[in-house]
Amino acid sequence: MRVLMVEDEKYMAEAIAQVLKKNHYSVDLEFDGEAGLDCGLSGIYDIIILDIMLPKMDGLSILKELRRNGIETPVILLTARGETEDKVRGLDSGADDYLAKPFHTDELLARLRALGRRKTELINDGILKYGNIQLNPHTLLLGCKNKKITLTLKESQLLELLIKRNSMIISKEIIIEKLWGYNTDAEDNRVEIHVSLLRKKLTQLESDVCIRTIRGAGYVLKTAKDEE
C-alpha cells in the first residue's frame, strides 16, 4: 500500500515513515502544503496522512482541493489534541479519519489497516471488474469467462491502475510513479514492455478489453462496446 505523508515536523515524519516501511507500507514524505497537494493530485496513493498546520498551504485547503479535483484517496488528518473544531471541519471537508497529536504509531497502523479494509470492501472484496474481465490483485489472477491466467505483480498493478481510472488517460510518468515510485531509474520502455505483455494476456483470454495508446499522452482502457 502506497502512503503519502504531509507533515512539516521532519524528525517526526521520518520516524513514522520508518515504522510504516517496517510494516510493509511504501511511504513518500512532503514537508509543506504546496508540495503535498501536487503529490496528492497525482492520484497514485492509496492513503494520505495530512497534517492540518503546514507551511505554504494548510491541510484543510489541501483536502478541499483534492476532493474538488475528484481525488477520492482516503485521508487521515493529523490535528492538535482537543481541537474539536478542526476535527469537525476536517470531516466536513472530506477526511475519512483523524488522529490527535501526539499519537502512538500502533494507533496509526490500526487506522491505516481499517481504511485499507474499507477500500477493499468498496471494490467488491478486492475483485476488480471491467468489461468481461475480473482481476484479483491479491492472487494476481485475471479471469475472463471460464479462463484464468496469472499475471506478474507489475502487470497486476498496471491493470489495477487502468481499471480504477478506466475513463482517464494514464501517462507513462504516472505509471512509473505508481509502480516503481518517485526515486526510480525506470524509464518509459519499462512501461511499454509491461503494457505489451499485458495486452498479450488479454488476447489469450479472448477478452473484449484492450489497452489503447493515446499518442503523446499515455494509455486508456477500452472495451469492444467503447470502440463501436
C-alpha atoms as a PDB file:
ATOM      1  CA  MET A   1       0.000   0.000   0.000  1.00  0.00           C
ATOM      2  CA  ARG A   2       1.401   3.389  -1.022  1.00  0.00           C
ATOM      3  CA  VAL A   3       1.122   6.196   1.548  1.00  0.00           C
ATOM      4  CA  LEU A   4       1.764   9.931   1.237  1.00  0.00           C
ATOM      5  CA  MET A   5       2.534  11.731   4.498  1.00  0.00           C
ATOM      6  CA  VAL A   6       2.459  15.545   4.518  1.00  0.00           C
ATOM      7  CA  GLU A   7       3.953  16.782   7.795  1.00  0.00           C
ATOM      8  CA  ASP A   8       6.308  19.716   8.407  1.00  0.00           C
ATOM      9  CA  GLU A   9       7.873  18.241  11.558  1.00  0.00           C
ATOM     10  CA  LYS A  10      10.587  16.408   9.645  1.00  0.00           C
ATOM     11  CA  TYR A  11      12.005  14.368  12.535  1.00  0.00           C
ATOM     12  CA  MET A  12       8.564  13.037  13.466  1.00  0.00           C
ATOM     13  CA  ALA A  13       7.608  12.389   9.827  1.00  0.00           C
ATOM     14  CA  GLU A  14      10.804  10.465   9.124  1.00  0.00           C
ATOM     15  CA  ALA A  15      10.415   8.398  12.302  1.00  0.00           C
ATOM     16  CA  ILE A  16       6.838   7.466  11.404  1.00  0.00           C
ATOM     17  CA  ALA A  17       7.888   6.659   7.831  1.00  0.00           C
ATOM     18  CA  GLN A  18      10.459   4.172   9.139  1.00  0.00           C
ATOM     19  CA  VAL A  19       7.798   2.425  11.227  1.00  0.00           C
ATOM     20  CA  LEU A  20       5.402   2.271   8.268  1.00  0.00           C
ATOM     21  CA  LYS A  21       8.102   0.874   5.988  1.00  0.00           C
ATOM     22  CA  LYS A  22       8.867  -1.858   8.523  1.00  0.00           C
ATOM     23  CA  ASN A  23       5.176  -2.746   8.306  1.00  0.00           C
ATOM     24  CA  HIS A  24       5.412  -3.088   4.507  1.00  0.00           C
ATOM     25  CA  TYR A  25       3.972   0.305   3.515  1.00  0.00           C
ATOM     26  CA  SER A  26       5.608   2.338   0.771  1.00  0.00           C
ATOM     27  CA  VAL A  27       5.910   5.924   2.056  1.00  0.00           C
ATOM     28  CA  ASP A  28       6.611   9.281   0.408  1.00  0.00           C
ATOM     29  CA  LEU A  29       7.146  12.376   2.577  1.00  0.00           C
ATOM     30  CA  GLU A  30       6.434  16.024   1.833  1.00  0.00           C
ATOM     31  CA  PHE A  31       7.047  18.851   4.294  1.00  0.00           C
ATOM     32  CA  ASP A  32       4.902  21.730   3.004  1.00  0.00           C
ATOM     33  CA  GLY A  33       1.350  22.112   1.762  1.00  0.00           C
ATOM     34  CA  GLU A  34       2.046  23.039  -1.864  1.00  0.00           C
ATOM     35  CA  ALA A  35       4.303  20.028  -2.443  1.00  0.00           C
ATOM     36  CA  GLY A  36       1.795  17.819  -0.620  1.00  0.00           C
ATOM     37  CA  LEU A  37      -1.039  18.983  -2.853  1.00  0.00           C
ATOM     38  CA  ASP A  38       0.999  18.362  -6.013  1.00  0.00           C
ATOM     39  CA  CYS A  39       1.708  14.794  -4.903  1.00  0.00           C
ATOM     40  CA  GLY A  40      -1.860  14.163  -3.777  1.00  0.00           C
ATOM     41  CA  LEU A  41      -3.264  15.324  -7.110  1.00  0.00           C
ATOM     42  CA  SER A  42      -1.193  12.654  -8.887  1.00  0.00           C
ATOM     43  CA  GLY A  43      -3.717  10.089  -7.638  1.00  0.00           C
ATOM     44  CA  ILE A  44      -1.032   7.443  -7.169  1.00  0.00           C
ATOM     45  CA  TYR A  45      -1.520   6.997  -3.420  1.00  0.00           C
ATOM     46  CA  ASP A  46      -3.740   4.564  -1.547  1.00  0.00           C
ATOM     47  CA  ILE A  47      -3.908   6.663   1.644  1.00  0.00           C
ATOM     48  CA  ILE A  48      -2.809  10.214   2.542  1.00  0.00           C
ATOM     49  CA  ILE A  49      -1.763  11.253   6.074  1.00  0.00           C
ATOM     50  CA  LEU A  50      -2.229  15.014   6.226  1.00  0.00           C
ATOM     51  CA  ASP A  51      -1.296  17.462   8.979  1.00  0.00           C
ATOM     52  CA  ILE A  52      -3.586  20.482   9.311  1.00  0.00           C
ATOM     53  CA  MET A  53      -0.898  23.024  10.260  1.00  0.00           C
ATOM     54  CA  LEU A  54       1.509  23.262   7.307  1.00  0.00           C
ATOM     55  CA  PRO A  55       3.625  25.982   5.687  1.00  0.00           C
ATOM     56  CA  LYS A  56       2.563  27.437   2.302  1.00  0.00           C
ATOM     57  CA  MET A  57      -0.878  25.750   2.351  1.00  0.00           C
ATOM     58  CA  ASP A  58      -2.844  24.328   5.270  1.00  0.00           C
ATOM     59  CA  GLY A  59      -4.136  20.764   5.393  1.00  0.00           C
ATOM     60  CA  LEU A  60      -7.836  21.622   5.177  1.00  0.00           C
ATOM     61  CA  SER A  61      -7.249  23.656   1.995  1.00  0.00           C
ATOM     62  CA  ILE A  62      -5.297  20.743   0.529  1.00  0.00           C
ATOM     63  CA  LEU A  63      -8.108  18.335   1.410  1.00  0.00           C
ATOM     64  CA  LYS A  64     -10.777  20.543  -0.168  1.00  0.00           C
ATOM     65  CA  GLU A  65      -8.678  20.930  -3.323  1.00  0.00           C
ATOM     66  CA  LEU A  66      -8.143  17.165  -3.596  1.00  0.00           C
ATOM     67  CA  ARG A  67     -11.864  16.466  -3.304  1.00  0.00           C
ATOM     68  CA  ARG A  68     -12.675  19.312  -5.734  1.00  0.00           C
ATOM     69  CA  ASN A  69     -10.424  17.604  -8.292  1.00  0.00           C
ATOM     70  CA  GLY A  70     -12.080  14.216  -7.871  1.00  0.00           C
ATOM     71  CA  ILE A  71      -9.298  12.630  -5.797  1.00  0.00           C
ATOM     72  CA  GLU A  72     -11.107  10.153  -3.532  1.00  0.00           C
ATOM     73  CA  THR A  73      -7.999   8.772  -1.812  1.00  0.00           C
ATOM     74  CA  PRO A  74      -8.742   8.144   1.897  1.00  0.00           C
ATOM     75  CA  VAL A  75      -7.267  10.903   4.081  1.00  0.00           C
ATOM     76  CA  ILE A  76      -6.251  10.724   7.747  1.00  0.00           C
ATOM     77  CA  LEU A  77      -5.994  14.221   9.242  1.00  0.00           C
ATOM     78  CA  LEU A  78      -3.494  14.975  11.996  1.00  0.00           C
ATOM     79  CA  THR A  79      -4.999  17.502  14.417  1.00  0.00           C
ATOM     80  CA  ALA A  80      -3.914  19.226  17.625  1.00  0.00           C
ATOM     81  CA  ARG A  81      -5.229  17.434  20.689  1.00  0.00           C
ATOM     82  CA  GLY A  82      -8.538  18.896  21.896  1.00  0.00           C
ATOM     83  CA  GLU A  83      -9.181  20.933  18.734  1.00  0.00           C
ATOM     84  CA  THR A  84     -12.723  19.662  18.154  1.00  0.00           C
ATOM     85  CA  GLU A  85     -13.415  22.383  15.590  1.00  0.00           C
ATOM     86  CA  ASP A  86     -10.537  21.175  13.401  1.00  0.00           C
ATOM     87  CA  LYS A  87     -11.852  17.608  13.564  1.00  0.00           C
ATOM     88  CA  VAL A  88     -15.369  18.668  12.576  1.00  0.00           C
ATOM     89  CA  ARG A  89     -14.139  20.912   9.758  1.00  0.00           C
ATOM     90  CA  GLY A  90     -11.859  18.149   8.530  1.00  0.00           C
ATOM     91  CA  LEU A  91     -14.594  15.518   8.387  1.00  0.00           C
ATOM     92  CA  ASP A  92     -16.947  18.011   6.721  1.00  0.00           C
ATOM     93  CA  SER A  93     -14.227  18.741   4.129  1.00  0.00           C
ATOM     94  CA  GLY A  94     -13.940  15.082   3.154  1.00  0.00           C
ATOM     95  CA  ALA A  95     -11.491  13.498   5.605  1.00  0.00           C
ATOM     96  CA  ASP A  96     -12.025   9.805   6.323  1.00  0.00           C
ATOM     97  CA  ASP A  97     -10.445   9.746   9.781  1.00  0.00           C
ATOM     98  CA  TYR A  98      -8.355  11.858  12.156  1.00  0.00           C
ATOM     99  CA  LEU A  99      -5.680  11.439  14.798  1.00  0.00           C
ATOM    100  CA  ALA A 100      -4.920  13.902  17.569  1.00  0.00           C
ATOM    101  CA  LYS A 101      -1.208  14.593  18.109  1.00  0.00           C
ATOM    102  CA  PRO A 102       0.734  13.209  19.847  1.00  0.00           C
ATOM    103  CA  PHE A 103      -0.351   9.688  18.951  1.00  0.00           C
ATOM    104  CA  HIS A 104       1.116   6.195  19.216  1.00  0.00           C
ATOM    105  CA  THR A 105       2.265   4.585  15.971  1.00  0.00           C
ATOM    106  CA  ASP A 106       0.240   1.459  16.791  1.00  0.00           C
ATOM    107  CA  GLU A 107      -2.912   3.578  16.625  1.00  0.00           C
ATOM    108  CA  LEU A 108      -1.882   4.991  13.242  1.00  0.00           C
ATOM    109  CA  LEU A 109      -1.216   1.477  11.927  1.00  0.00           C
ATOM    110  CA  ALA A 110      -4.669   0.385  13.118  1.00  0.00           C
ATOM    111  CA  ARG A 111      -6.289   3.341  11.317  1.00  0.00           C
ATOM    112  CA  LEU A 112      -4.371   2.520   8.131  1.00  0.00           C
ATOM    113  CA  ARG A 113      -5.494  -1.120   8.281  1.00  0.00           C
ATOM    114  CA  ALA A 114      -9.102  -0.043   8.818  1.00  0.00           C
ATOM    115  CA  LEU A 115      -9.056   2.313   5.845  1.00  0.00           C
ATOM    116  CA  GLY A 116      -7.386  -0.369   3.729  1.00  0.00           C
ATOM    117  CA  ARG A 117     -10.170  -2.823   4.563  1.00  0.00           C
ATOM    118  CA  ARG A 118     -12.834  -0.201   3.839  1.00  0.00           C
ATOM    119  CA  LYS A 119     -11.300   0.467   0.430  1.00  0.00           C
ATOM    120  CA  THR A 120     -11.272  -3.246  -0.355  1.00  0.00           C
ATOM    121  CA  GLU A 121     -14.935  -3.566   0.603  1.00  0.00           C
ATOM    122  CA  LEU A 122     -15.801  -0.802  -1.831  1.00  0.00           C
ATOM    123  CA  ILE A 123     -14.371  -2.816  -4.723  1.00  0.00           C
ATOM    124  CA  ASN A 124     -16.326  -5.996  -4.044  1.00  0.00           C
ATOM    125  CA  ASP A 125     -13.988  -7.950  -1.752  1.00  0.00           C
ATOM    126  CA  GLY A 126     -10.958  -6.852  -3.715  1.00  0.00           C
ATOM    127  CA  ILE A 127     -12.159  -8.206  -7.100  1.00  0.00           C
ATOM    128  CA  LEU A 128     -11.916  -5.564  -9.802  1.00  0.00           C
ATOM    129  CA  LYS A 129     -14.249  -5.901 -12.782  1.00  0.00           C
ATOM    130  CA  TYR A 130     -14.139  -4.180 -16.146  1.00  0.00           C
ATOM    131  CA  GLY A 131     -15.806  -5.327 -19.343  1.00  0.00           C
ATOM    132  CA  ASN A 132     -15.710  -9.123 -19.231  1.00  0.00           C
ATOM    133  CA  ILE A 133     -12.567  -9.423 -17.090  1.00  0.00           C
ATOM    134  CA  GLN A 134     -12.119  -9.857 -13.334  1.00  0.00           C
ATOM    135  CA  LEU A 135      -8.823  -9.099 -11.605  1.00  0.00           C
ATOM    136  CA  ASN A 136      -7.920 -10.320  -8.144  1.00  0.00           C
ATOM    137  CA  PRO A 137      -4.936  -8.132  -7.178  1.00  0.00           C
ATOM    138  CA  HIS A 138      -4.293 -10.280  -4.104  1.00  0.00           C
ATOM    139  CA  THR A 139      -3.796 -13.553  -6.019  1.00  0.00           C
ATOM    140  CA  LEU A 140      -2.689 -11.900  -9.310  1.00  0.00           C
ATOM    141  CA  LEU A 141      -5.346 -13.933 -11.150  1.00  0.00           C
ATOM    142  CA  LEU A 142      -7.006 -12.422 -14.210  1.00  0.00           C
ATOM    143  CA  GLY A 143     -10.191 -14.129 -15.352  1.00  0.00           C
ATOM    144  CA  CYS A 144     -12.401 -13.882 -18.414  1.00  0.00           C
ATOM    145  CA  LYS A 145     -15.455 -16.131 -18.844  1.00  0.00           C
ATOM    146  CA  ASN A 146     -14.149 -19.610 -17.918  1.00  0.00           C
ATOM    147  CA  LYS A 147     -10.469 -18.826 -18.448  1.00  0.00           C
ATOM    148  CA  LYS A 148      -7.887 -17.654 -15.944  1.00  0.00           C
ATOM    149  CA  ILE A 149      -4.307 -16.543 -16.221  1.00  0.00           C
ATOM    150  CA  THR A 150      -1.696 -15.490 -13.657  1.00  0.00           C
ATOM    151  CA  LEU A 151      -0.175 -12.034 -14.016  1.00  0.00           C
ATOM    152  CA  THR A 152       3.128 -10.793 -12.699  1.00  0.00           C
ATOM    153  CA  LEU A 153       2.940  -8.316  -9.811  1.00  0.00           C
ATOM    154  CA  LYS A 154       3.722  -5.352 -12.076  1.00  0.00           C
ATOM    155  CA  GLU A 155       1.173  -6.482 -14.688  1.00  0.00           C
ATOM    156  CA  SER A 156      -1.459  -6.752 -11.972  1.00  0.00           C
ATOM    157  CA  GLN A 157      -0.593  -3.320 -10.582  1.00  0.00           C
ATOM    158  CA  LEU A 158      -0.718  -1.807 -14.051  1.00  0.00           C
ATOM    159  CA  LEU A 159      -4.100  -3.334 -14.866  1.00  0.00           C
ATOM    160  CA  GLU A 160      -5.464  -2.323 -11.450  1.00  0.00           C
ATOM    161  CA  LEU A 161      -4.420   1.282 -12.126  1.00  0.00           C
ATOM    162  CA  LEU A 162      -6.050   1.261 -15.564  1.00  0.00           C
ATOM    163  CA  ILE A 163      -9.285  -0.290 -14.252  1.00  0.00           C
ATOM    164  CA  LYS A 164      -9.618   2.160 -11.391  1.00  0.00           C
ATOM    165  CA  ARG A 165      -9.161   5.069 -13.812  1.00  0.00           C
ATOM    166  CA  ASN A 166     -10.917   3.492 -16.770  1.00  0.00           C
ATOM    167  CA  SER A 167     -12.202   6.794 -18.161  1.00  0.00           C
ATOM    168  CA  MET A 168      -8.847   8.561 -17.850  1.00  0.00           C
ATOM    169  CA  ILE A 169      -5.706   8.585 -19.950  1.00  0.00           C
ATOM    170  CA  ILE A 170      -2.799   7.488 -17.751  1.00  0.00           C
ATOM    171  CA  SER A 171       0.604   8.861 -18.673  1.00  0.00           C
ATOM    172  CA  LYS A 172       3.792   6.822 -18.568  1.00  0.00           C
ATOM    173  CA  GLU A 173       5.068   9.153 -15.852  1.00  0.00           C
ATOM    174  CA  ILE A 174       2.114   8.364 -13.583  1.00  0.00           C
ATOM    175  CA  ILE A 175       2.503   4.622 -14.242  1.00  0.00           C
ATOM    176  CA  ILE A 176       6.203   4.770 -13.339  1.00  0.00           C
ATOM    177  CA  GLU A 177       5.468   6.707 -10.132  1.00  0.00           C
ATOM    178  CA  LYS A 178       2.698   4.302  -9.108  1.00  0.00           C
ATOM    179  CA  LEU A 179       4.502   1.051  -9.946  1.00  0.00           C
ATOM    180  CA  TRP A 180       8.125   1.935  -9.166  1.00  0.00           C
ATOM    181  CA  GLY A 181       7.941   5.083  -7.023  1.00  0.00           C
ATOM    182  CA  TYR A 182       9.422   8.547  -7.359  1.00  0.00           C
ATOM    183  CA  ASN A 183      13.036   7.580  -6.673  1.00  0.00           C
ATOM    184  CA  THR A 184      13.478   5.128  -9.531  1.00  0.00           C
ATOM    185  CA  ASP A 185      15.573   4.815 -12.646  1.00  0.00           C
ATOM    186  CA  ALA A 186      12.721   3.086 -14.506  1.00  0.00           C
ATOM    187  CA  GLU A 187      12.210   4.561 -17.964  1.00  0.00           C
ATOM    188  CA  ASP A 188       9.364   4.678 -20.488  1.00  0.00           C
ATOM    189  CA  ASN A 189      10.454   1.451 -22.187  1.00  0.00           C
ATOM    190  CA  ARG A 190       9.811  -0.444 -18.938  1.00  0.00           C
ATOM    191  CA  VAL A 191       6.169   0.668 -19.108  1.00  0.00           C
ATOM    192  CA  GLU A 192       5.944  -0.238 -22.807  1.00  0.00           C
ATOM    193  CA  ILE A 193       7.203  -3.769 -22.101  1.00  0.00           C
ATOM    194  CA  HIS A 194       4.609  -4.380 -19.355  1.00  0.00           C
ATOM    195  CA  VAL A 195       1.813  -2.929 -21.479  1.00  0.00           C
ATOM    196  CA  SER A 196       2.801  -5.240 -24.342  1.00  0.00           C
ATOM    197  CA  LEU A 197       2.884  -8.319 -22.095  1.00  0.00           C
ATOM    198  CA  LEU A 198      -0.465  -7.416 -20.544  1.00  0.00           C
ATOM    199  CA  ARG A 199      -2.024  -6.943 -23.980  1.00  0.00           C
ATOM    200  CA  LYS A 200      -0.887 -10.443 -24.973  1.00  0.00           C
ATOM    201  CA  LYS A 201      -2.504 -11.957 -21.883  1.00  0.00           C
ATOM    202  CA  LEU A 202      -5.776 -10.126 -22.545  1.00  0.00           C
ATOM    203  CA  THR A 203      -5.691 -11.548 -26.079  1.00  0.00           C
ATOM    204  CA  GLN A 204      -5.013 -15.068 -24.736  1.00  0.00           C
ATOM    205  CA  LEU A 205      -8.140 -14.763 -22.609  1.00  0.00           C
ATOM    206  CA  GLU A 206     -10.158 -13.597 -25.639  1.00  0.00           C
ATOM    207  CA  SER A 207     -11.218 -10.579 -23.623  1.00  0.00           C
ATOM    208  CA  ASP A 208     -13.204  -7.671 -25.035  1.00  0.00           C
ATOM    209  CA  VAL A 209     -10.925  -5.334 -23.026  1.00  0.00           C
ATOM    210  CA  CYS A 210      -7.961  -3.661 -24.678  1.00  0.00           C
ATOM    211  CA  ILE A 211      -5.319  -1.081 -23.766  1.00  0.00           C
ATOM    212  CA  ARG A 212      -5.319   1.798 -26.244  1.00  0.00           C
ATOM    213  CA  THR A 213      -2.273   4.004 -26.774  1.00  0.00           C
ATOM    214  CA  ILE A 214      -3.043   7.713 -26.977  1.00  0.00           C
ATOM    215  CA  ARG A 215      -0.050   9.126 -28.796  1.00  0.00           C
ATOM    216  CA  GLY A 216       1.858  11.644 -26.712  1.00  0.00           C
ATOM    217  CA  ALA A 217      -0.486  11.220 -23.733  1.00  0.00           C
ATOM    218  CA  GLY A 218      -0.447   7.658 -22.402  1.00  0.00           C
ATOM    219  CA  TYR A 219      -2.819   4.705 -22.152  1.00  0.00           C
ATOM    220  CA  VAL A 220      -6.525   4.164 -21.573  1.00  0.00           C
ATOM    221  CA  LEU A 221      -8.603   1.030 -21.028  1.00  0.00           C
ATOM    222  CA  LYS A 222     -11.403   0.342 -23.516  1.00  0.00           C
ATOM    223  CA  THR A 223     -13.969  -2.379 -24.214  1.00  0.00           C
ATOM    224  CA  ALA A 224     -15.347  -3.508 -27.564  1.00  0.00           C
ATOM    225  CA  LYS A 225     -18.530  -1.514 -26.856  1.00  0.00           C
ATOM    226  CA  ASP A 226     -16.481   1.638 -26.326  1.00  0.00           C
ATOM    227  CA  GLU A 227     -14.989   1.169 -29.792  1.00  0.00           C
ATOM    228  CA  GLU A 228     -18.362   0.986 -31.571  1.00  0.00           C
END
